[in-house]
Amino acid sequence: MRKPRQKGFDMNQHIIMRVNRGEMIFCSPIIKIMFILVLKEAKRKFKFRLKHYCVMSNHVHLIVRPYGGEDISRMMKWISQTFAIRYNKLSGISGHVWGDRFTNIIIADSSYFNHAFDYISQNPVKAGLADKAENYFFSGLYYFIRNIFGLLDPGGYFS
């Protein structure tokens, strides 16, 4: 039996979603944009602040802060299912897209927030997808540095 999920109402959380079998489904910019558009829809449907994100080749990182009693499991279920349905339809396939349920780590203090933010930001550089973290188009850092807050929520990092 798996452990119950940490809910962390009104707390920042580092979310990790891994693709089934480590497949590199996010190599195409179209698929990355499709995921980002699902996130944008989720922002209209659920109460959460998106502090950071990064879409890699076979996984996704998010820093989110649900508020108003929003249930992280319900929100992430919608995001993962909606993306999976659209991805499968576009690809003409069926079956699992995600390898397992998402991982969430409660961010209890600003020190861990900074660590998670930096780790997520540097992921594309470590993977050879970008020369500099701020140049990776599919990361929140790209927009944060340029003061573009369409998907990201402006304001205090940790709050």
C-alpha atoms as a PDB file:
ATOM      1  CA  MET A   1       0.000   0.000   0.000  1.00  0.00           C
ATOM      2  CA  ARG A   2       1.364   3.412  -0.935  1.00  0.00           C
ATOM      3  CA  LYS A   3       1.765   6.220   1.569  1.00  0.00           C
ATOM      4  CA  PRO A   4      -0.913   8.912   1.622  1.00  0.00           C
ATOM      5  CA  ARG A   5       0.016  12.031  -0.302  1.00  0.00           C
ATOM      6  CA  GLN A   6       1.096  15.139   1.567  1.00  0.00           C
ATOM      7  CA  LYS A   7      -1.583  17.727   0.848  1.00  0.00           C
ATOM      8  CA  GLY A   8       0.136  20.953   1.912  1.00  0.00           C
ATOM      9  CA  PHE A   9      -2.849  23.283   1.550  1.00  0.00           C
ATOM     10  CA  ASP A  10      -1.752  26.841   0.796  1.00  0.00           C
ATOM     11  CA  MET A  11       1.913  25.775   0.639  1.00  0.00           C
ATOM     12  CA  ASN A  12       4.398  25.790  -2.225  1.00  0.00           C
ATOM     13  CA  GLN A  13       5.032  22.333  -3.665  1.00  0.00           C
ATOM     14  CA  HIS A  14       7.648  20.953  -6.026  1.00  0.00           C
ATOM     15  CA  ILE A  15       5.795  18.663  -8.446  1.00  0.00           C
ATOM     16  CA  ILE A  16       7.547  16.138 -10.682  1.00  0.00           C
ATOM     17  CA  MET A  17       5.702  14.288 -13.455  1.00  0.00           C
ATOM     18  CA  ARG A  18       7.646  11.543 -15.256  1.00  0.00           C
ATOM     19  CA  VAL A  19       6.750  10.073 -18.633  1.00  0.00           C
ATOM     20  CA  ASN A  20       6.067   6.343 -18.837  1.00  0.00           C
ATOM     21  CA  ARG A  21       9.175   4.226 -19.508  1.00  0.00           C
ATOM     22  CA  GLY A  22      11.280   7.393 -19.700  1.00  0.00           C
ATOM     23  CA  GLU A  23      10.111   7.995 -23.265  1.00  0.00           C
ATOM     24  CA  MET A  24      11.217  11.318 -24.718  1.00  0.00           C
ATOM     25  CA  ILE A  25       7.761  12.537 -25.740  1.00  0.00           C
ATOM     26  CA  PHE A  26       8.603  16.186 -25.075  1.00  0.00           C
ATOM     27  CA  CYS A  27      11.366  16.409 -27.694  1.00  0.00           C
ATOM     28  CA  SER A  28       8.954  18.186 -30.028  1.00  0.00           C
ATOM     29  CA  PRO A  29       8.274  21.859 -29.258  1.00  0.00           C
ATOM     30  CA  ILE A  30       4.644  21.242 -30.268  1.00  0.00           C
ATOM     31  CA  ILE A  31       4.201  18.705 -27.461  1.00  0.00           C
ATOM     32  CA  LYS A  32       5.889  21.003 -24.942  1.00  0.00           C
ATOM     33  CA  ILE A  33       3.580  23.852 -25.973  1.00  0.00           C
ATOM     34  CA  MET A  34       0.581  21.526 -25.714  1.00  0.00           C
ATOM     35  CA  PHE A  35       1.536  20.774 -22.091  1.00  0.00           C
ATOM     36  CA  ILE A  36       1.988  24.475 -21.317  1.00  0.00           C
ATOM     37  CA  LEU A  37      -1.447  25.199 -22.810  1.00  0.00           C
ATOM     38  CA  VAL A  38      -2.943  22.534 -20.518  1.00  0.00           C
ATOM     39  CA  LEU A  39      -1.285  24.323 -17.581  1.00  0.00           C
ATOM     40  CA  LYS A  40      -2.805  27.591 -18.764  1.00  0.00           C
ATOM     41  CA  GLU A  41      -6.264  25.977 -18.840  1.00  0.00           C
ATOM     42  CA  ALA A  42      -5.700  24.516 -15.384  1.00  0.00           C
ATOM     43  CA  LYS A  43      -4.968  28.014 -14.050  1.00  0.00           C
ATOM     44  CA  ARG A  44      -8.488  29.052 -15.112  1.00  0.00           C
ATOM     45  CA  LYS A  45     -10.083  25.919 -13.683  1.00  0.00           C
ATOM     46  CA  PHE A  46      -8.249  25.534 -10.349  1.00  0.00           C
ATOM     47  CA  LYS A  47      -6.971  27.840  -7.632  1.00  0.00           C
ATOM     48  CA  PHE A  48      -3.187  27.725  -7.695  1.00  0.00           C
ATOM     49  CA  ARG A  49      -0.233  29.961  -8.291  1.00  0.00           C
ATOM     50  CA  LEU A  50       2.435  28.757 -10.684  1.00  0.00           C
ATOM     51  CA  LYS A  51       5.808  29.898  -9.374  1.00  0.00           C
ATOM     52  CA  HIS A  52       8.049  27.991 -11.787  1.00  0.00           C
ATOM     53  CA  TYR A  53       7.976  25.231 -14.375  1.00  0.00           C
ATOM     54  CA  CYS A  54      10.231  23.408 -16.782  1.00  0.00           C
ATOM     55  CA  VAL A  55       9.231  20.960 -19.500  1.00  0.00           C
ATOM     56  CA  MET A  56      12.103  18.570 -20.158  1.00  0.00           C
ATOM     57  CA  SER A  57      12.290  15.717 -22.702  1.00  0.00           C
ATOM     58  CA  ASN A  58      10.773  13.034 -20.468  1.00  0.00           C
ATOM     59  CA  HIS A  59       9.533  14.814 -17.356  1.00  0.00           C
ATOM     60  CA  VAL A  60       8.088  18.060 -16.068  1.00  0.00           C
ATOM     61  CA  HIS A  61       8.878  20.128 -12.982  1.00  0.00           C
ATOM     62  CA  LEU A  62       6.430  22.578 -11.424  1.00  0.00           C
ATOM     63  CA  ILE A  63       6.426  24.754  -8.350  1.00  0.00           C
ATOM     64  CA  VAL A  64       2.805  25.398  -7.488  1.00  0.00           C
ATOM     65  CA  ARG A  65       0.959  26.864  -4.555  1.00  0.00           C
ATOM     66  CA  PRO A  66      -2.668  25.723  -4.316  1.00  0.00           C
ATOM     67  CA  TYR A  67      -4.860  28.141  -2.385  1.00  0.00           C
ATOM     68  CA  GLY A  68      -8.438  28.460  -1.217  1.00  0.00           C
ATOM     69  CA  GLY A  69      -8.471  24.808  -0.125  1.00  0.00           C
ATOM     70  CA  GLU A  70      -7.710  23.534  -3.642  1.00  0.00           C
ATOM     71  CA  ASP A  71      -6.891  19.823  -3.664  1.00  0.00           C
ATOM     72  CA  ILE A  72      -3.497  19.186  -5.286  1.00  0.00           C
ATOM     73  CA  SER A  73      -4.458  15.622  -6.234  1.00  0.00           C
ATOM     74  CA  ARG A  74      -7.629  16.688  -8.024  1.00  0.00           C
ATOM     75  CA  MET A  75      -5.774  19.472  -9.826  1.00  0.00           C
ATOM     76  CA  MET A  76      -2.859  17.265 -10.912  1.00  0.00           C
ATOM     77  CA  LYS A  77      -5.211  14.473 -11.983  1.00  0.00           C
ATOM     78  CA  TRP A  78      -6.950  16.905 -14.319  1.00  0.00           C
ATOM     79  CA  ILE A  79      -3.635  18.215 -15.719  1.00  0.00           C
ATOM     80  CA  SER A  80      -2.155  14.752 -16.295  1.00  0.00           C
ATOM     81  CA  GLN A  81      -5.337  13.235 -17.745  1.00  0.00           C
ATOM     82  CA  THR A  82      -6.093  16.200 -20.003  1.00  0.00           C
ATOM     83  CA  PHE A  83      -2.568  16.219 -21.384  1.00  0.00           C
ATOM     84  CA  ALA A  84      -2.533  12.422 -21.831  1.00  0.00           C
ATOM     85  CA  ILE A  85      -5.808  12.423 -23.758  1.00  0.00           C
ATOM     86  CA  ARG A  86      -4.613  15.200 -26.077  1.00  0.00           C
ATOM     87  CA  TYR A  87      -1.172  13.686 -26.539  1.00  0.00           C
ATOM     88  CA  ASN A  88      -2.586  10.253 -27.379  1.00  0.00           C
ATOM     89  CA  LYS A  89      -5.080  11.748 -29.816  1.00  0.00           C
ATOM     90  CA  LEU A  90      -2.424  13.846 -31.555  1.00  0.00           C
ATOM     91  CA  SER A  91      -0.004  10.897 -31.691  1.00  0.00           C
ATOM     92  CA  GLY A  92      -2.625   8.354 -32.745  1.00  0.00           C
ATOM     93  CA  ILE A  93      -1.776   6.047 -29.867  1.00  0.00           C
ATOM     94  CA  SER A  94      -3.435   4.827 -26.690  1.00  0.00           C
ATOM     95  CA  GLY A  95      -2.270   3.843 -23.244  1.00  0.00           C
ATOM     96  CA  HIS A  96      -0.396   5.394 -20.365  1.00  0.00           C
ATOM     97  CA  VAL A  97       1.536   8.600 -20.868  1.00  0.00           C
ATOM     98  CA  TRP A  98       2.730   9.096 -17.296  1.00  0.00           C
ATOM     99  CA  GLY A  99       4.867   6.472 -15.586  1.00  0.00           C
ATOM    100  CA  ASP A 100       3.363   6.827 -12.146  1.00  0.00           C
ATOM    101  CA  ARG A 101       1.431   9.300 -10.107  1.00  0.00           C
ATOM    102  CA  PHE A 102       3.090  12.671  -9.700  1.00  0.00           C
ATOM    103  CA  THR A 103       5.590  13.317  -6.928  1.00  0.00           C
ATOM    104  CA  ASN A 104       5.027  16.310  -4.687  1.00  0.00           C
ATOM    105  CA  ILE A 105       7.439  17.705  -2.155  1.00  0.00           C
ATOM    106  CA  ILE A 106       6.166  20.313   0.302  1.00  0.00           C
ATOM    107  CA  ILE A 107       8.360  23.422   0.276  1.00  0.00           C
ATOM    108  CA  ALA A 108       8.323  24.469   3.909  1.00  0.00           C
ATOM    109  CA  ASP A 109      10.900  27.255   3.855  1.00  0.00           C
ATOM    110  CA  SER A 110      12.572  29.757   1.564  1.00  0.00           C
ATOM    111  CA  SER A 111      15.859  27.841   1.599  1.00  0.00           C
ATOM    112  CA  TYR A 112      14.281  24.764  -0.004  1.00  0.00           C
ATOM    113  CA  PHE A 113      12.266  26.999  -2.335  1.00  0.00           C
ATOM    114  CA  ASN A 114      15.496  28.564  -3.609  1.00  0.00           C
ATOM    115  CA  HIS A 115      17.103  25.119  -3.962  1.00  0.00           C
ATOM    116  CA  ALA A 116      14.117  23.738  -5.931  1.00  0.00           C
ATOM    117  CA  PHE A 117      13.900  26.869  -8.097  1.00  0.00           C
ATOM    118  CA  ASP A 118      17.607  26.671  -8.982  1.00  0.00           C
ATOM    119  CA  TYR A 119      17.476  22.909  -9.569  1.00  0.00           C
ATOM    120  CA  ILE A 120      14.523  23.278 -11.944  1.00  0.00           C
ATOM    121  CA  SER A 121      16.157  26.224 -13.716  1.00  0.00           C
ATOM    122  CA  GLN A 122      19.451  24.387 -14.298  1.00  0.00           C
ATOM    123  CA  ASN A 123      17.816  21.142 -15.511  1.00  0.00           C
ATOM    124  CA  PRO A 124      17.870  22.111 -19.229  1.00  0.00           C
ATOM    125  CA  VAL A 125      21.526  23.136 -19.024  1.00  0.00           C
ATOM    126  CA  LYS A 126      22.536  19.860 -17.339  1.00  0.00           C
ATOM    127  CA  ALA A 127      20.592  17.926 -19.996  1.00  0.00           C
ATOM    128  CA  GLY A 128      22.245  19.858 -22.845  1.00  0.00           C
ATOM    129  CA  LEU A 129      18.979  21.472 -23.971  1.00  0.00           C
ATOM    130  CA  ALA A 130      20.215  25.041 -23.426  1.00  0.00           C
ATOM    131  CA  ASP A 131      23.500  26.879 -23.083  1.00  0.00           C
ATOM    132  CA  LYS A 132      22.133  29.070 -20.283  1.00  0.00           C
ATOM    133  CA  ALA A 133      19.122  28.421 -18.060  1.00  0.00           C
ATOM    134  CA  GLU A 134      17.519  31.757 -18.918  1.00  0.00           C
ATOM    135  CA  ASN A 135      17.572  30.879 -22.637  1.00  0.00           C
ATOM    136  CA  TYR A 136      15.409  27.742 -22.352  1.00  0.00           C
ATOM    137  CA  PHE A 137      12.051  28.727 -23.846  1.00  0.00           C
ATOM    138  CA  PHE A 138      10.088  25.961 -22.047  1.00  0.00           C
ATOM    139  CA  SER A 139      11.006  27.082 -18.551  1.00  0.00           C
ATOM    140  CA  GLY A 140       9.468  29.679 -16.304  1.00  0.00           C
ATOM    141  CA  LEU A 141      12.886  31.274 -15.842  1.00  0.00           C
ATOM    142  CA  TYR A 142      12.876  32.395 -19.495  1.00  0.00           C
ATOM    143  CA  TYR A 143       9.731  34.448 -18.810  1.00  0.00           C
ATOM    144  CA  PHE A 144      10.580  35.476 -15.260  1.00  0.00           C
ATOM    145  CA  ILE A 145      13.869  37.093 -16.382  1.00  0.00           C
ATOM    146  CA  ARG A 146      11.948  38.977 -19.091  1.00  0.00           C
ATOM    147  CA  ASN A 147       9.127  40.061 -16.719  1.00  0.00           C
ATOM    148  CA  ILE A 148       6.512  38.180 -18.760  1.00  0.00           C
ATOM    149  CA  PHE A 149       3.842  36.900 -16.386  1.00  0.00           C
ATOM    150  CA  GLY A 150       1.185  35.242 -18.519  1.00  0.00           C
ATOM    151  CA  LEU A 151       1.422  31.770 -17.068  1.00  0.00           C
ATOM    152  CA  LEU A 152       3.638  32.479 -14.074  1.00  0.00           C
ATOM    153  CA  ASP A 153       2.292  34.374 -11.112  1.00  0.00           C
ATOM    154  CA  PRO A 154       4.139  37.604 -10.341  1.00  0.00           C
ATOM    155  CA  GLY A 155       4.945  38.630  -6.831  1.00  0.00           C
ATOM    156  CA  GLY A 156       7.015  37.109  -4.091  1.00  0.00           C
ATOM    157  CA  TYR A 157       8.743  33.878  -4.934  1.00  0.00           C
ATOM    158  CA  PHE A 158       8.099  32.068  -1.704  1.00  0.00           C
ATOM    159  CA  SER A 159       4.759  33.638  -0.747  1.00  0.00           C
END
